[in-house]
Amino acid sequence: MSTEGRGGSRRTPRPAGSSSSGNRRQGGAPRGGSARGGAQRPARPARPARPPRAGSGKDDHLDVHVADGVRLQKVLAQAGVGSRRKCEELIAEGHVEVDGVLVTELGVRVDPATAAIHVDGLRVQLDASKITLVLNKPLGVVSTMSDPDGRPTIADLVKDRSERLFHVGRLDTDSEGLLLLTNDGELANRLAHPKYEIPKTYLVTVEGGEFYPRHAKELQSGVELDDGVARMDKVRVVDSVPGVTMLEVVLHEGRNRIVRRMLAEVGFPVIRLVRTRMGPIPLGDLKAGRTRVLGRTELGTLMRAVDM
C-alpha cells in the first residue's frame, strides 16, 4: 500500500529495520562499524590535505608524468619520506606536488634528476650526494677553507668529510656560533642572496652603561655607518648586570662586522658575539667545533625559505 507524500508524490514505505543499499557495505556489515554484535567503531580520520604552495602558479592539469621515469612513491620512499605504502597514502590524500602540480594518482612516474618534489609544502632532497651541515664555529677559527697565514680554518673542523663544502656567509675570527656548510651550490647561492633576506639571530654581550629602550629603538630605526644606514629587525635585553648587558639581536643584512659596528656606534662595544640561528635553523646545544647534518624536515624548511 502506498502513501501520499508532500506535493502529491507517491512513495512506498520501507519495511521496519530496512536501510538503503548505499548505507551498507558488501557482505551486509554497516559502514564504519563491525559486523559482530552491531558494535560501532569510528572510522580513522583521513590526514587533511595541505593546500597547494602559495606562488607555485602552475596549472594543476599539467602532465608531469615521465613515461620512462620512476614511480613517484618509490622516489619518495628512497628519499626517506616513509615506506612505499606510506608514500602512496600521502600521494592519494593530496600531500605531494611535482614541479608545482598536485599529484594524487599512484601511477605517475618522474625523473628524480630533474623533478622538484614537495611534501606538505617542503622540498624533498632527491640527490643523496648533496648534504647541508650546521657547524658551531669556535672562537679563533677563520671562516675560510684555507688560510695563507696558517691559522685554523673551518676546513680543519670538517676534514673527515669527503664532500667539497661551501660555507654560507661568514663569521669574524673573534665571533662564534652557527655556520651552514653545504655542497648544494644553488642552496648556498640563494641563502647568500640579499633578495631572500634570511634573518640571522645573535646573542651579544656588550659593555657600557645601562641599555635603555631608546637604544633598541635607535638600532631598529637605523644607524649611520661608513657604508650606509644599517637597521636591526629586533633587539631584546636577555640579561644585565652593572656595566654588562646581554642582548639578542636579529638582522638580515650581511655586511662585514655589522653587528659590532652598529652596537659600537650607539655606545655599546661588543665583548662576545655568538650566532644562534640562521633562518629556520637553530644552533641548539651543538658543542663548539662540532657539526650535525640537517634532517629532512629542517632541510625542507630551509629550502622553502629561499623558494626552492
Protein backbone atom coordinates (compact mmCIF):
# COMPACT_ATOMS: atom_id res chain seq x y z
CA MET A 1 0.00 0.00 0.00
CA SER A 2 1.39 3.38 -0.95
CA THR A 3 1.01 6.72 0.82
CA GLU A 4 0.84 10.28 -0.44
CA GLY A 5 3.98 12.43 0.02
CA ARG A 6 4.27 16.17 0.00
CA GLY A 7 3.08 17.85 -3.22
CA GLY A 8 1.06 14.76 -4.22
CA SER A 9 4.05 12.48 -4.93
CA ARG A 10 3.64 8.83 -4.05
CA ARG A 11 6.18 6.80 -2.10
CA THR A 12 6.18 3.26 -0.84
CA PRO A 13 7.01 2.83 2.86
CA ARG A 14 10.06 0.66 3.70
CA PRO A 15 9.70 -2.33 5.98
CA ALA A 16 10.86 -1.60 9.54
CA GLY A 17 14.60 -2.08 10.07
CA SER A 18 15.49 -1.83 6.35
CA SER A 19 18.16 0.56 5.05
CA SER A 20 19.25 1.79 1.65
CA SER A 21 21.90 -0.16 -0.17
CA GLY A 22 24.12 2.96 -0.15
CA ASN A 23 24.50 2.69 3.64
CA ARG A 24 25.59 -0.96 3.67
CA ARG A 25 28.98 -2.48 2.94
CA GLN A 26 29.37 -5.53 0.73
CA GLY A 27 28.52 -8.53 2.85
CA GLY A 28 25.96 -6.61 4.91
CA ALA A 29 28.24 -5.02 7.53
CA PRO A 30 27.26 -1.43 8.39
CA ARG A 31 29.70 1.23 7.11
CA GLY A 32 32.21 2.34 9.73
CA GLY A 33 31.13 -0.39 12.17
CA SER A 34 31.67 -4.04 12.95
CA ALA A 35 29.58 -6.94 11.71
CA ARG A 36 29.74 -8.53 15.14
CA GLY A 37 27.02 -7.54 17.56
CA GLY A 38 26.42 -4.29 15.70
CA ALA A 39 29.21 -2.51 17.67
CA GLN A 40 30.19 0.74 16.03
CA ARG A 41 33.86 1.64 15.57
CA PRO A 42 34.66 5.21 14.48
CA ALA A 43 36.40 5.46 11.15
CA ARG A 44 40.03 6.62 11.24
CA PRO A 45 40.12 10.28 10.19
CA ALA A 46 41.99 10.96 7.00
CA ARG A 47 45.03 13.20 7.17
CA PRO A 48 43.94 16.61 5.87
CA ALA A 49 45.45 17.51 2.54
CA ARG A 50 47.73 20.54 2.55
CA PRO A 51 46.67 23.32 0.17
CA PRO A 52 49.00 23.88 -2.79
CA ARG A 53 52.03 26.03 -2.01
CA ALA A 54 51.45 29.73 -2.44
CA GLY A 55 53.11 31.08 -5.52
CA SER A 56 53.50 27.79 -7.35
CA GLY A 57 51.26 29.26 -10.04
CA LYS A 58 51.28 26.15 -12.21
CA ASP A 59 48.38 24.52 -13.98
CA ASP A 60 47.10 21.58 -11.92
CA HIS A 61 46.32 19.79 -15.22
CA LEU A 62 49.92 19.99 -16.46
CA ASP A 63 51.21 16.50 -17.20
CA VAL A 64 54.24 15.78 -15.03
CA HIS A 65 54.32 12.07 -15.93
CA VAL A 66 57.60 10.84 -17.43
CA ALA A 67 56.98 7.57 -19.24
CA ASP A 68 60.44 6.10 -18.62
CA GLY A 69 60.76 7.60 -15.15
CA VAL A 70 60.50 6.10 -11.66
CA ARG A 71 57.21 5.71 -9.80
CA LEU A 72 56.64 8.71 -7.57
CA GLN A 73 56.04 6.65 -4.42
CA LYS A 74 59.32 4.81 -4.95
CA VAL A 75 61.21 8.10 -5.37
CA LEU A 76 59.72 9.42 -2.12
CA ALA A 77 60.49 6.22 -0.24
CA GLN A 78 64.11 6.23 -1.45
CA ALA A 79 64.41 9.85 -0.27
CA GLY A 80 63.43 8.80 3.25
CA VAL A 81 59.92 10.25 3.32
CA GLY A 82 58.47 6.94 4.55
CA SER A 83 57.64 3.42 3.50
CA ARG A 84 56.32 2.82 -0.02
CA ARG A 85 52.83 2.26 1.42
CA LYS A 86 53.02 5.48 3.46
CA CYS A 87 54.15 7.42 0.40
CA GLU A 88 51.21 6.03 -1.59
CA GLU A 89 48.86 7.32 1.10
CA LEU A 90 50.50 10.77 1.01
CA ILE A 91 50.02 10.93 -2.75
CA ALA A 92 46.41 9.73 -2.69
CA GLU A 93 45.49 12.17 0.09
CA GLY A 94 46.86 15.19 -1.81
CA HIS A 95 50.08 15.97 0.06
CA VAL A 96 52.55 15.71 -2.84
CA GLU A 97 53.43 18.21 -5.57
CA VAL A 98 55.70 17.61 -8.54
CA ASP A 99 57.05 20.72 -10.26
CA GLY A 100 54.30 22.75 -8.57
CA VAL A 101 51.50 20.40 -9.67
CA LEU A 102 49.41 18.49 -7.13
CA VAL A 103 49.61 14.75 -7.88
CA THR A 104 47.05 12.28 -6.49
CA GLU A 105 47.42 9.37 -8.94
CA LEU A 106 49.67 6.47 -7.95
CA GLY A 107 50.77 5.64 -11.49
CA VAL A 108 52.73 8.85 -12.05
CA ARG A 109 56.41 8.42 -12.89
CA VAL A 110 59.01 11.19 -12.53
CA ASP A 111 62.65 11.84 -13.32
CA PRO A 112 64.44 12.15 -9.94
CA ALA A 113 67.28 14.10 -11.58
CA THR A 114 65.04 16.97 -12.67
CA ALA A 115 61.81 16.85 -10.66
CA ALA A 116 61.14 19.31 -7.83
CA ILE A 117 59.01 17.37 -5.34
CA HIS A 118 57.34 18.87 -2.27
CA VAL A 119 55.52 17.03 0.51
CA ASP A 120 53.24 19.25 2.59
CA GLY A 121 55.00 22.27 1.12
CA LEU A 122 58.53 21.13 1.99
CA ARG A 123 61.06 20.33 -0.73
CA VAL A 124 62.36 16.77 -0.73
CA GLN A 125 66.09 16.43 -1.45
CA LEU A 126 66.31 13.68 -4.07
CA ASP A 127 70.06 13.85 -4.64
CA ALA A 128 71.64 11.72 -1.93
CA SER A 129 75.07 13.18 -2.71
CA LYS A 130 74.02 16.66 -1.53
CA ILE A 131 74.40 17.48 2.14
CA THR A 132 73.97 20.51 4.39
CA LEU A 133 75.64 20.79 7.80
CA VAL A 134 75.39 23.06 10.81
CA LEU A 135 78.79 23.95 12.29
CA ASN A 136 79.35 25.62 15.66
CA LYS A 137 82.38 27.74 14.80
CA PRO A 138 84.68 28.23 17.80
CA LEU A 139 86.45 31.43 18.73
CA GLY A 140 89.69 31.98 16.81
CA VAL A 141 88.76 29.90 13.75
CA VAL A 142 88.82 31.64 10.37
CA SER A 143 85.65 31.36 8.23
CA THR A 144 87.52 30.12 5.16
CA MET A 145 88.54 26.73 3.83
CA SER A 146 92.24 27.72 3.76
CA ASP A 147 94.41 30.46 5.26
CA PRO A 148 97.77 31.67 3.94
CA ASP A 149 98.84 32.62 7.49
CA GLY A 150 98.33 29.12 8.79
CA ARG A 151 95.50 29.98 11.18
CA PRO A 152 92.92 27.30 12.00
CA THR A 153 90.05 27.25 9.49
CA ILE A 154 86.61 25.70 9.29
CA ALA A 155 88.12 23.17 6.85
CA ASP A 156 90.02 21.71 9.81
CA LEU A 157 86.69 21.00 11.52
CA VAL A 158 85.24 19.02 8.58
CA LYS A 159 88.39 17.31 7.31
CA ASP A 160 86.76 13.92 7.87
CA ARG A 161 84.13 14.66 5.21
CA SER A 162 84.74 13.81 1.57
CA GLU A 163 82.29 16.36 0.10
CA ARG A 164 83.50 19.68 -1.30
CA LEU A 165 81.67 22.06 1.04
CA PHE A 166 80.86 25.75 0.71
CA HIS A 167 80.31 27.93 3.78
CA VAL A 168 77.23 30.15 3.66
CA GLY A 169 78.19 33.60 4.88
CA ARG A 170 80.97 34.32 7.35
CA LEU A 171 81.70 34.90 11.00
CA ASP A 172 84.61 37.01 12.22
CA THR A 173 87.57 35.19 13.73
CA ASP A 174 86.60 36.60 17.13
CA SER A 175 82.93 35.59 16.72
CA GLU A 176 81.36 32.20 17.39
CA GLY A 177 78.33 30.14 16.52
CA LEU A 178 76.29 28.85 13.63
CA LEU A 179 77.66 28.46 10.13
CA LEU A 180 75.97 26.47 7.39
CA LEU A 181 78.12 24.30 5.13
CA THR A 182 76.76 22.65 2.00
CA ASN A 183 77.75 21.16 -1.33
CA ASP A 184 74.46 22.31 -2.86
CA GLY A 185 75.53 25.28 -4.94
CA GLU A 186 72.03 26.56 -5.67
CA LEU A 187 71.07 26.48 -2.00
CA ALA A 188 74.29 28.25 -0.98
CA ASN A 189 73.77 31.00 -3.58
CA ARG A 190 70.16 31.59 -2.58
CA LEU A 191 70.93 31.71 1.13
CA ALA A 192 73.61 34.34 0.49
CA HIS A 193 71.48 36.42 -1.88
CA PRO A 194 70.02 39.59 -0.30
CA LYS A 195 66.76 39.01 -2.21
CA TYR A 196 65.67 36.36 0.29
CA GLU A 197 66.54 38.40 3.41
CA ILE A 198 67.35 35.40 5.57
CA PRO A 199 67.28 36.61 9.20
CA LYS A 200 70.25 35.86 11.45
CA THR A 201 69.99 35.83 15.25
CA TYR A 202 72.89 36.67 17.57
CA LEU A 203 73.44 36.54 21.31
CA VAL A 204 75.67 39.54 22.02
CA THR A 205 77.37 40.60 25.23
CA VAL A 206 78.20 44.33 25.35
CA GLU A 207 79.82 46.65 27.82
CA GLY A 208 78.79 50.18 28.73
CA GLY A 209 76.10 51.87 30.76
CA GLU A 210 72.51 50.76 31.11
CA PHE A 211 70.88 49.67 27.87
CA TYR A 212 67.60 51.59 27.61
CA PRO A 213 64.64 51.04 25.25
CA ARG A 214 65.73 54.14 23.34
CA HIS A 215 68.93 52.34 22.36
CA ALA A 216 66.94 49.44 20.94
CA LYS A 217 64.71 51.88 19.07
CA GLU A 218 67.74 53.62 17.59
CA LEU A 219 69.21 50.33 16.37
CA GLN A 220 65.91 49.37 14.75
CA SER A 221 65.30 52.82 13.25
CA GLY A 222 68.72 52.90 11.62
CA VAL A 223 72.33 53.67 12.48
CA GLU A 224 74.54 55.66 10.12
CA LEU A 225 77.73 53.74 9.32
CA ASP A 226 80.59 54.47 6.93
CA ASP A 227 78.97 52.29 4.26
CA GLY A 228 75.39 53.49 4.77
CA VAL A 229 72.48 53.15 7.15
CA ALA A 230 72.01 49.78 8.86
CA ARG A 231 68.98 48.55 10.79
CA MET A 232 68.30 45.67 13.13
CA ASP A 233 65.00 43.81 12.85
CA LYS A 234 64.69 43.02 16.57
CA VAL A 235 66.58 43.89 19.76
CA ARG A 236 65.87 42.29 23.12
CA VAL A 237 67.63 42.50 26.50
CA VAL A 238 68.30 38.97 27.79
CA ASP A 239 70.21 39.81 30.96
CA SER A 240 72.02 42.71 32.55
CA VAL A 241 74.46 43.43 35.38
CA PRO A 242 76.18 46.76 36.09
CA GLY A 243 78.38 47.60 33.11
CA VAL A 244 77.49 44.49 31.04
CA THR A 245 74.34 43.65 29.04
CA MET A 246 73.42 40.53 27.08
CA LEU A 247 71.26 41.19 24.01
CA GLU A 248 69.52 39.06 21.44
CA VAL A 249 69.52 40.82 18.07
CA VAL A 250 68.09 39.82 14.71
CA LEU A 251 69.00 41.30 11.34
CA HIS A 252 69.09 40.14 7.76
CA GLU A 253 71.93 42.28 6.44
CA GLY A 254 75.29 40.65 5.91
CA ARG A 255 77.80 43.49 5.78
CA ASN A 256 81.23 42.97 7.33
CA ARG A 257 81.19 43.13 11.17
CA ILE A 258 77.82 44.89 11.00
CA VAL A 259 76.59 43.86 14.47
CA ARG A 260 79.79 45.03 16.15
CA ARG A 261 79.85 48.31 14.25
CA MET A 262 76.20 49.13 14.95
CA LEU A 263 76.47 48.49 18.68
CA ALA A 264 79.74 50.42 18.95
CA GLU A 265 78.06 53.35 17.17
CA VAL A 266 75.39 53.61 19.90
CA GLY A 267 77.96 53.28 22.71
CA PHE A 268 77.99 49.55 23.49
CA PRO A 269 81.20 47.80 22.35
CA VAL A 270 80.84 44.04 21.86
CA ILE A 271 82.60 41.69 24.26
CA ARG A 272 81.27 38.44 22.83
CA LEU A 273 79.14 37.57 19.78
CA VAL A 274 77.51 34.19 19.07
CA ARG A 275 75.24 33.47 16.11
CA THR A 276 72.43 31.25 17.38
CA ARG A 277 70.13 30.92 14.37
CA MET A 278 70.08 31.37 10.60
CA GLY A 279 66.61 31.49 9.11
CA PRO A 280 64.68 28.50 10.48
CA ILE A 281 67.84 26.62 11.59
CA PRO A 282 68.88 26.90 15.26
CA LEU A 283 72.32 26.22 16.69
CA GLY A 284 70.73 24.39 19.61
CA ASP A 285 73.06 22.66 22.04
CA LEU A 286 75.69 21.76 19.43
CA LYS A 287 79.14 21.93 21.03
CA ALA A 288 81.87 24.24 19.71
CA GLY A 289 83.79 22.69 16.83
CA ARG A 290 81.14 20.04 16.15
CA THR A 291 78.81 19.59 13.18
CA ARG A 292 75.47 17.94 12.55
CA VAL A 293 73.67 17.07 9.32
CA LEU A 294 70.33 18.76 8.69
CA GLY A 295 67.42 16.35 8.76
CA ARG A 296 64.83 16.10 6.01
CA THR A 297 62.32 18.45 7.65
CA GLU A 298 64.95 21.05 8.61
CA LEU A 299 66.42 20.99 5.11
CA GLY A 300 62.96 21.28 3.52
CA THR A 301 62.13 24.25 5.75
CA LEU A 302 65.42 25.94 4.84
CA MET A 303 64.83 25.36 1.12
CA ARG A 304 61.31 26.76 1.42
CA ALA A 305 62.78 29.95 2.95
CA VAL A 306 64.62 30.57 -0.34
CA ASP A 307 61.76 29.46 -2.64
CA MET A 308 63.28 26.13 -3.63
